[in-house]
N, C-alpha and C. Protein backbone atom coordinates (compact mmCIF):
# COMPACT_ATOMS: atom_id res chain seq x y z
N UNK A 1 4.94 245.57 57.03
CA UNK A 1 5.99 245.16 55.92
C UNK A 1 6.25 243.67 55.91
N UNK A 2 6.44 243.20 55.30
CA UNK A 2 6.55 241.34 54.73
C UNK A 2 7.81 240.80 55.26
N UNK A 3 8.02 239.99 55.98
CA UNK A 3 9.41 239.17 55.84
C UNK A 3 9.49 238.88 54.89
N UNK A 4 11.42 238.44 54.93
CA UNK A 4 11.95 237.42 53.72
C UNK A 4 10.81 235.89 53.56
N UNK A 5 10.75 235.97 52.16
CA UNK A 5 10.21 234.29 52.05
C UNK A 5 11.12 233.13 52.75
N UNK A 6 10.26 232.30 53.68
CA UNK A 6 10.85 231.39 54.12
C UNK A 6 11.60 230.26 53.31
N UNK A 7 11.42 230.48 51.82
CA UNK A 7 12.42 229.51 51.27
C UNK A 7 13.78 230.21 50.62
N UNK A 8 14.01 231.37 51.43
CA UNK A 8 15.36 231.94 50.91
C UNK A 8 16.39 231.80 52.13
N UNK A 9 17.32 231.98 52.00
CA UNK A 9 18.58 231.72 53.13
C UNK A 9 19.80 232.85 52.70
N UNK A 10 20.08 233.35 53.93
CA UNK A 10 21.58 234.47 53.25
C UNK A 10 22.25 234.18 53.78
N UNK A 11 23.26 234.13 53.28
CA UNK A 11 24.95 234.06 53.30
C UNK A 11 25.20 233.73 54.34
N UNK A 12 24.83 234.87 55.33
CA UNK A 12 25.74 234.89 56.95
C UNK A 12 24.76 233.28 57.54
N UNK A 13 23.43 233.11 57.34
CA UNK A 13 22.32 232.30 57.54
C UNK A 13 22.90 230.66 57.39
N UNK A 14 23.66 230.93 55.99
CA UNK A 14 23.94 229.42 55.25
C UNK A 14 25.20 229.22 56.00
N UNK A 15 26.20 230.05 56.54
CA UNK A 15 27.88 229.83 56.88
C UNK A 15 27.34 229.26 58.14
N UNK A 16 26.39 229.50 59.02
CA UNK A 16 26.16 228.78 60.35
C UNK A 16 25.52 227.63 59.96
N UNK A 17 24.71 227.43 58.93
CA UNK A 17 24.24 225.91 58.89
C UNK A 17 25.30 225.01 58.50
N UNK A 18 26.11 225.56 57.49
CA UNK A 18 27.04 224.70 57.11
C UNK A 18 27.97 224.51 57.99
N UNK A 19 28.56 225.40 59.23
CA UNK A 19 29.36 224.92 59.98
C UNK A 19 28.34 223.87 61.10
N UNK A 20 27.05 223.75 61.14
CA UNK A 20 26.79 222.78 62.09
C UNK A 20 26.43 221.61 61.12
N UNK A 21 26.87 221.50 60.02
CA UNK A 21 26.85 220.33 59.12
C UNK A 21 25.31 219.94 58.57
N UNK A 22 24.34 221.05 58.56
CA UNK A 22 23.03 220.63 58.65
C UNK A 22 21.97 220.80 57.28
N UNK A 23 22.92 220.95 56.57
CA UNK A 23 22.39 221.25 54.72
C UNK A 23 23.10 220.56 53.85
N UNK A 24 22.62 220.18 53.06
CA UNK A 24 23.38 219.88 51.77
C UNK A 24 23.18 220.90 50.76
N UNK A 25 24.52 221.10 50.36
CA UNK A 25 24.43 222.34 48.97
C UNK A 25 23.88 221.89 47.60
N UNK A 26 22.98 222.36 46.65
CA UNK A 26 23.00 221.66 45.57
C UNK A 26 23.69 223.25 44.43
N UNK A 27 24.20 222.99 43.65
CA UNK A 27 24.57 224.03 42.60
C UNK A 27 23.95 223.93 41.06
N UNK A 28 23.08 224.53 40.78
CA UNK A 28 22.56 224.20 39.60
C UNK A 28 22.74 225.07 38.55
N UNK A 29 24.14 225.35 38.53
CA UNK A 29 24.55 226.20 37.46
C UNK A 29 25.21 225.09 36.22
N UNK A 30 25.55 225.77 35.34
CA UNK A 30 26.30 225.07 33.98
C UNK A 30 27.56 224.60 34.22
N UNK A 31 27.74 223.51 33.76
CA UNK A 31 29.45 222.83 34.23
C UNK A 31 30.52 223.95 34.11
N UNK A 32 30.84 224.56 32.99
CA UNK A 32 31.62 225.86 33.01
C UNK A 32 31.46 226.83 34.49
N UNK A 33 30.72 227.04 34.77
CA UNK A 33 30.59 228.03 35.86
C UNK A 33 31.01 227.28 37.40
N UNK A 34 30.57 225.76 37.18
CA UNK A 34 30.76 225.09 38.77
C UNK A 34 32.49 225.03 38.17
N UNK A 35 32.52 224.53 37.45
CA UNK A 35 34.37 224.72 37.13
C UNK A 35 35.13 225.91 38.01
N UNK A 36 34.83 227.16 37.57
CA UNK A 36 35.34 228.25 37.68
C UNK A 36 35.35 228.37 39.30
N UNK A 37 34.62 228.05 39.77
CA UNK A 37 34.04 228.27 41.27
C UNK A 37 33.00 227.51 41.95
N UNK A 38 33.50 226.74 42.73
CA UNK A 38 32.16 225.56 43.86
C UNK A 38 32.68 226.11 45.18
N UNK A 39 31.48 225.66 45.86
CA UNK A 39 31.94 226.18 47.40
C UNK A 39 31.86 224.46 47.90
N UNK A 40 32.83 223.96 48.47
CA UNK A 40 33.30 222.65 49.11
C UNK A 40 31.92 222.01 49.70
N UNK A 41 32.11 220.70 49.39
CA UNK A 41 30.78 219.73 49.38
C UNK A 41 29.74 220.00 48.35
N UNK A 42 29.48 221.00 48.05
CA UNK A 42 28.33 221.24 46.75
C UNK A 42 28.04 219.77 45.87
N UNK A 43 26.81 219.54 45.59
CA UNK A 43 27.01 218.59 44.29
C UNK A 43 26.35 219.50 43.53
N UNK A 44 26.60 218.84 42.60
CA UNK A 44 26.70 219.81 41.12
C UNK A 44 25.65 219.03 40.05
N UNK A 45 24.62 219.64 39.83
CA UNK A 45 23.48 219.02 38.98
C UNK A 45 22.78 220.29 37.87
N UNK A 46 23.50 220.57 36.87
CA UNK A 46 22.61 221.72 36.22
C UNK A 46 21.29 221.96 35.95
N UNK A 47 20.62 222.86 35.80
CA UNK A 47 19.40 223.03 36.18
C UNK A 47 18.72 221.90 35.06
N UNK A 48 18.99 221.91 34.12
CA UNK A 48 18.52 221.12 32.57
C UNK A 48 18.68 219.85 33.01
N UNK A 49 19.42 219.28 34.23
CA UNK A 49 19.29 217.78 34.15
C UNK A 49 18.81 217.34 35.81
N UNK A 50 18.10 218.39 36.30
CA UNK A 50 17.64 218.15 37.96
C UNK A 50 16.59 217.48 38.01
N UNK A 51 15.63 217.42 36.96
CA UNK A 51 14.50 216.38 37.02
C UNK A 51 14.97 214.92 37.09
N UNK A 52 15.74 214.61 36.17
CA UNK A 52 15.88 213.55 35.97
C UNK A 52 16.86 212.94 37.06
N UNK A 53 17.86 213.85 37.70
CA UNK A 53 19.06 213.14 38.55
C UNK A 53 18.82 213.61 40.19
N UNK A 54 18.13 214.52 40.19
CA UNK A 54 18.06 215.18 41.75
C UNK A 54 17.74 213.64 42.39
N UNK A 55 17.22 212.88 42.27
CA UNK A 55 16.57 211.64 43.34
C UNK A 55 18.05 210.59 43.32
N UNK A 56 19.03 211.05 42.30
CA UNK A 56 20.18 209.93 42.68
C UNK A 56 20.96 210.67 43.46
N UNK A 57 20.90 211.50 43.79
CA UNK A 57 21.80 212.50 44.81
C UNK A 57 21.35 212.55 46.00
N UNK A 58 19.88 213.07 46.20
CA UNK A 58 19.56 213.61 47.30
C UNK A 58 17.80 212.80 47.64
N UNK A 59 17.69 212.70 49.30
CA UNK A 59 16.65 212.24 49.70
C UNK A 59 15.56 212.83 49.77
N UNK A 60 14.33 213.07 49.71
CA UNK A 60 13.37 213.90 49.48
C UNK A 60 13.27 214.61 51.17
N UNK A 61 13.49 213.85 52.30
CA UNK A 61 13.77 214.93 53.38
C UNK A 61 15.15 215.86 53.63
N UNK A 62 15.89 215.92 52.76
CA UNK A 62 17.54 216.30 53.03
C UNK A 62 17.09 217.87 53.29
N UNK A 63 17.58 218.21 53.82
CA UNK A 63 17.44 220.00 54.22
C UNK A 63 18.12 220.08 52.74
N UNK A 64 17.92 221.08 51.77
CA UNK A 64 18.79 221.39 50.93
C UNK A 64 18.70 222.82 50.58
N UNK A 65 20.12 223.22 50.28
CA UNK A 65 20.33 224.68 50.01
C UNK A 65 20.82 224.98 48.23
N UNK A 66 19.74 225.65 47.73
CA UNK A 66 20.46 225.54 46.26
C UNK A 66 20.79 226.93 45.68
N UNK A 67 21.98 226.56 44.96
CA UNK A 67 22.64 228.03 44.57
C UNK A 67 22.81 227.64 43.13
N UNK A 68 23.24 229.41 42.47
CA UNK A 68 23.65 229.18 41.17
C UNK A 68 24.17 230.61 41.65
N UNK A 69 23.99 231.29 40.12
CA UNK A 69 24.95 232.45 39.93
C UNK A 69 24.09 233.62 40.50
N UNK A 70 23.56 234.37 40.45
CA UNK A 70 22.55 235.45 41.30
C UNK A 70 21.11 235.03 41.90
N UNK A 71 20.64 233.92 42.02
CA UNK A 71 19.42 233.28 42.73
C UNK A 71 18.00 232.65 41.91
N UNK A 72 18.50 233.28 40.49
CA UNK A 72 17.11 232.90 39.68
C UNK A 72 16.68 231.71 39.31
N UNK A 73 18.40 230.73 38.75
CA UNK A 73 17.62 229.59 38.61
C UNK A 73 17.83 228.15 40.10
N UNK A 74 18.09 229.30 40.88
CA UNK A 74 18.01 228.30 42.50
C UNK A 74 16.55 228.35 42.93
N UNK A 75 15.79 229.28 42.26
CA UNK A 75 14.24 229.38 42.77
C UNK A 75 13.60 228.38 41.56
N UNK A 76 13.89 228.37 40.36
CA UNK A 76 13.41 227.44 39.51
C UNK A 76 13.51 226.26 40.06
N UNK A 77 14.76 225.78 40.46
CA UNK A 77 15.12 224.58 40.76
C UNK A 77 14.22 224.07 42.26
N UNK A 78 13.69 224.78 43.03
CA UNK A 78 12.93 224.66 43.77
C UNK A 78 11.56 224.06 43.33
N UNK A 79 10.76 224.91 42.19
CA UNK A 79 9.83 224.69 41.52
C UNK A 79 10.17 223.43 40.85
N UNK A 80 10.91 222.86 40.12
CA UNK A 80 11.36 221.77 39.75
C UNK A 80 11.00 220.43 40.75
N UNK A 81 11.87 220.52 41.91
CA UNK A 81 12.10 219.41 42.78
C UNK A 81 10.93 219.53 43.86
N UNK A 82 9.78 220.70 43.91
CA UNK A 82 8.96 220.32 44.90
C UNK A 82 7.89 219.37 44.17
N UNK A 83 7.64 219.27 42.91
CA UNK A 83 6.83 218.22 42.32
C UNK A 83 6.99 216.83 42.74
N UNK A 84 8.78 216.76 42.89
CA UNK A 84 8.82 215.49 42.58
C UNK A 84 9.18 214.79 44.67
N UNK A 85 8.63 215.65 45.47
CA UNK A 85 8.62 215.17 46.62
C UNK A 85 9.67 215.73 47.37
N UNK A 86 10.08 216.51 47.05
CA UNK A 86 11.52 217.34 47.90
C UNK A 86 10.65 218.55 48.78
N UNK A 87 11.05 218.09 50.06
CA UNK A 87 10.24 219.30 51.17
C UNK A 87 10.86 220.36 51.80
N UNK A 88 12.07 220.21 51.89
CA UNK A 88 12.81 221.15 52.61
C UNK A 88 14.20 221.84 51.25
N UNK A 89 13.78 222.87 50.86
CA UNK A 89 14.57 223.35 49.91
C UNK A 89 14.61 225.13 50.24
N UNK A 90 15.91 225.74 50.02
CA UNK A 90 16.01 227.09 50.29
C UNK A 90 16.85 227.39 49.13
N UNK A 91 16.67 228.51 48.47
CA UNK A 91 17.34 229.15 47.59
C UNK A 91 18.38 230.56 48.63
N UNK A 92 19.60 230.09 47.73
CA UNK A 92 20.94 231.26 48.37
C UNK A 92 20.44 232.22 47.55
N UNK A 93 19.90 233.39 48.68
CA UNK A 93 19.73 234.78 48.13
C UNK A 93 21.15 235.38 47.61
N UNK A 94 21.14 236.19 46.52
CA UNK A 94 22.22 236.63 45.57
C UNK A 94 22.84 235.29 44.94
N UNK A 95 22.94 234.29 45.41
CA UNK A 95 23.75 233.17 44.60
C UNK A 95 25.08 233.26 45.27
N UNK A 96 25.96 232.65 44.40
CA UNK A 96 27.19 232.59 44.33
C UNK A 96 28.03 233.67 44.43
N UNK A 97 27.63 234.60 43.77
CA UNK A 97 28.03 236.44 43.73
C UNK A 97 28.10 237.04 45.03
N UNK A 98 27.06 236.48 45.69
CA UNK A 98 26.81 237.35 46.90
C UNK A 98 27.71 236.79 47.68
N UNK A 99 27.82 235.23 47.98
CA UNK A 99 28.77 234.45 48.88
C UNK A 99 30.18 235.02 48.54
N UNK A 100 30.56 235.39 47.27
CA UNK A 100 31.90 235.78 46.80
C UNK A 100 32.26 237.35 47.67
N UNK A 101 31.06 237.69 47.38
CA UNK A 101 31.35 239.59 48.10
C UNK A 101 31.60 239.34 49.65
N UNK A 102 30.65 238.21 49.82
CA UNK A 102 31.06 238.60 51.43
C UNK A 102 32.08 237.68 51.80
N UNK A 103 32.71 236.84 51.07
CA UNK A 103 34.36 236.33 51.33
C UNK A 103 35.48 237.72 51.29
N UNK A 104 35.08 238.54 50.21
CA UNK A 104 35.83 239.85 49.96
C UNK A 104 35.73 240.68 51.54
N UNK A 105 35.05 240.53 51.88
CA UNK A 105 34.37 241.89 52.68
C UNK A 105 34.18 241.20 54.41
């Protein structure tokens, strides 16, 4: 059985890392989605603007956790950022919807 890919992080792992102050959050959803619900201290760069704006906000060596609604755009974001030299990125498994579900239960 194969383990989970190293570029994924689940909600519980992310909560621990946020408490440690170990990661920076990047939300790649559209502006309307961002305005409805956002995580504290997250940076917002829509996926369509990521290539031109990422280096203005993040350093190549930052430990970045990327999230979107369900986890698809955040994986795309990793593929956009990797050729720009970013090294340590993970996608929030299930996206913000999974985060919201964990907060309810």
